[in-house]
């Protein structure tokens, strides 16, 4: 499945914001820097930033550039929404593979046990 480059860039930037690599109110890298980093054209980066703006993660301040939203609470909310989507996908895939609820619980128990060792 091919995903458009601008969506790949938007996804990587979204993860960086949700992970805390960019703090609330912090300026995003300039378009030129992102173009150089991603090896694409400015229109692709601009489109990726517009996706993040539409999703409410960043805001444009005209010629000053793009900034992470100021609300840490909103970022946490968006992070939890992302977690819920990923969790839903994980469970759907586990059910498709034939795992039962009890097998899934055991799987998570094993992961938790290994984490605490």
Protein backbone atom coordinates (compact mmCIF):
# COMPACT_ATOMS: atom_id res chain seq x y z
CA UNK A 1 0.00 0.00 0.00
CA UNK A 2 1.52 3.28 -1.11
CA UNK A 3 0.98 6.29 1.10
CA UNK A 4 1.49 9.74 -0.33
CA UNK A 5 4.76 11.34 0.74
CA UNK A 6 3.02 14.36 2.29
CA UNK A 7 1.00 11.99 4.51
CA UNK A 8 4.18 10.16 5.53
CA UNK A 9 5.79 13.47 6.46
CA UNK A 10 2.68 14.60 8.34
CA UNK A 11 2.60 11.29 10.22
CA UNK A 12 6.27 11.54 11.24
CA UNK A 13 5.80 15.13 12.42
CA UNK A 14 2.60 14.17 14.27
CA UNK A 15 4.45 11.43 16.14
CA UNK A 16 7.25 13.86 17.00
CA UNK A 17 4.75 16.34 18.42
CA UNK A 18 2.76 13.71 20.33
CA UNK A 19 5.99 12.20 21.69
CA UNK A 20 7.03 15.60 23.01
CA UNK A 21 9.93 16.30 20.67
CA UNK A 22 8.24 19.66 20.04
CA UNK A 23 6.76 21.33 23.11
CA UNK A 24 3.56 23.39 23.13
CA UNK A 25 4.14 26.74 21.47
CA UNK A 26 7.45 25.70 19.92
CA UNK A 27 8.15 26.74 16.37
CA UNK A 28 8.30 23.93 13.84
CA UNK A 29 11.36 23.70 11.61
CA UNK A 30 11.17 26.03 8.61
CA UNK A 31 9.78 24.59 5.41
CA UNK A 32 13.21 24.81 3.77
CA UNK A 33 14.76 22.72 6.55
CA UNK A 34 12.03 20.11 6.27
CA UNK A 35 12.42 20.06 2.48
CA UNK A 36 16.13 19.39 2.87
CA UNK A 37 15.57 16.76 5.57
CA UNK A 38 12.84 14.93 3.65
CA UNK A 39 14.37 15.33 0.20
CA UNK A 40 11.19 16.57 -1.41
CA UNK A 41 9.76 19.79 -2.78
CA UNK A 42 8.30 22.67 -0.74
CA UNK A 43 4.74 21.97 -1.91
CA UNK A 44 4.89 18.49 -0.38
CA UNK A 45 6.05 19.82 2.99
CA UNK A 46 3.47 22.62 2.85
CA UNK A 47 0.74 20.05 2.21
CA UNK A 48 1.95 17.95 5.17
CA UNK A 49 1.88 21.00 7.46
CA UNK A 50 -1.64 21.84 6.28
CA UNK A 51 -2.72 18.32 7.30
CA UNK A 52 -1.33 18.87 10.80
CA UNK A 53 -2.96 22.29 10.96
CA UNK A 54 -6.31 20.79 9.98
CA UNK A 55 -5.85 18.14 12.68
CA UNK A 56 -5.34 20.89 15.25
CA UNK A 57 -1.73 20.09 16.15
CA UNK A 58 -0.06 23.17 14.70
CA UNK A 59 -1.03 26.71 13.80
CA UNK A 60 0.30 29.03 11.13
CA UNK A 61 1.51 32.45 12.18
CA UNK A 62 1.91 33.81 8.69
CA UNK A 63 5.46 34.71 7.78
CA UNK A 64 6.71 33.57 11.21
CA UNK A 65 6.02 29.94 10.32
CA UNK A 66 4.20 27.07 11.97
CA UNK A 67 4.00 26.50 15.71
CA UNK A 68 2.83 23.62 17.88
CA UNK A 69 -0.45 24.50 19.55
CA UNK A 70 -0.13 26.12 22.97
CA UNK A 71 -2.47 23.73 24.81
CA UNK A 72 -0.64 20.84 26.45
CA UNK A 73 -4.06 19.48 27.46
CA UNK A 74 -5.14 19.35 23.79
CA UNK A 75 -1.89 17.60 22.81
CA UNK A 76 -2.48 14.99 25.52
CA UNK A 77 -6.05 14.57 24.28
CA UNK A 78 -4.83 14.09 20.69
CA UNK A 79 -2.15 11.67 21.91
CA UNK A 80 -4.79 9.60 23.70
CA UNK A 81 -7.00 9.61 20.60
CA UNK A 82 -4.04 8.29 18.61
CA UNK A 83 -3.46 5.61 21.25
CA UNK A 84 -7.11 4.57 21.05
CA UNK A 85 -6.94 4.27 17.25
CA UNK A 86 -3.77 2.18 17.41
CA UNK A 87 -5.19 -0.04 20.15
CA UNK A 88 -8.36 -0.63 18.16
CA UNK A 89 -6.30 -1.59 15.09
CA UNK A 90 -4.14 -3.93 17.19
CA UNK A 91 -7.15 -5.73 18.67
CA UNK A 92 -8.86 -6.02 15.28
CA UNK A 93 -5.72 -7.61 13.82
CA UNK A 94 -5.34 -9.99 16.77
CA UNK A 95 -8.97 -11.10 16.40
CA UNK A 96 -8.48 -11.61 12.64
CA UNK A 97 -5.52 -13.85 13.49
CA UNK A 98 -7.83 -15.90 15.71
CA UNK A 99 -6.66 -14.81 19.14
CA UNK A 100 -9.28 -15.08 21.87
CA UNK A 101 -9.82 -12.52 24.62
CA UNK A 102 -8.06 -14.78 27.12
CA UNK A 103 -5.07 -15.27 24.81
CA UNK A 104 -4.78 -11.51 24.33
CA UNK A 105 -4.90 -10.95 28.09
CA UNK A 106 -2.15 -13.55 28.57
CA UNK A 107 -0.09 -11.86 25.85
CA UNK A 108 -0.30 -8.51 27.64
CA UNK A 109 0.45 -10.17 30.98
CA UNK A 110 3.63 -11.67 29.46
CA UNK A 111 4.66 -8.29 28.08
CA UNK A 112 4.09 -6.66 31.48
CA UNK A 113 6.04 -9.41 33.26
CA UNK A 114 9.02 -9.09 30.88
CA UNK A 115 8.94 -5.31 31.29
CA UNK A 116 9.19 -5.61 35.07
CA UNK A 117 12.05 -8.13 35.02
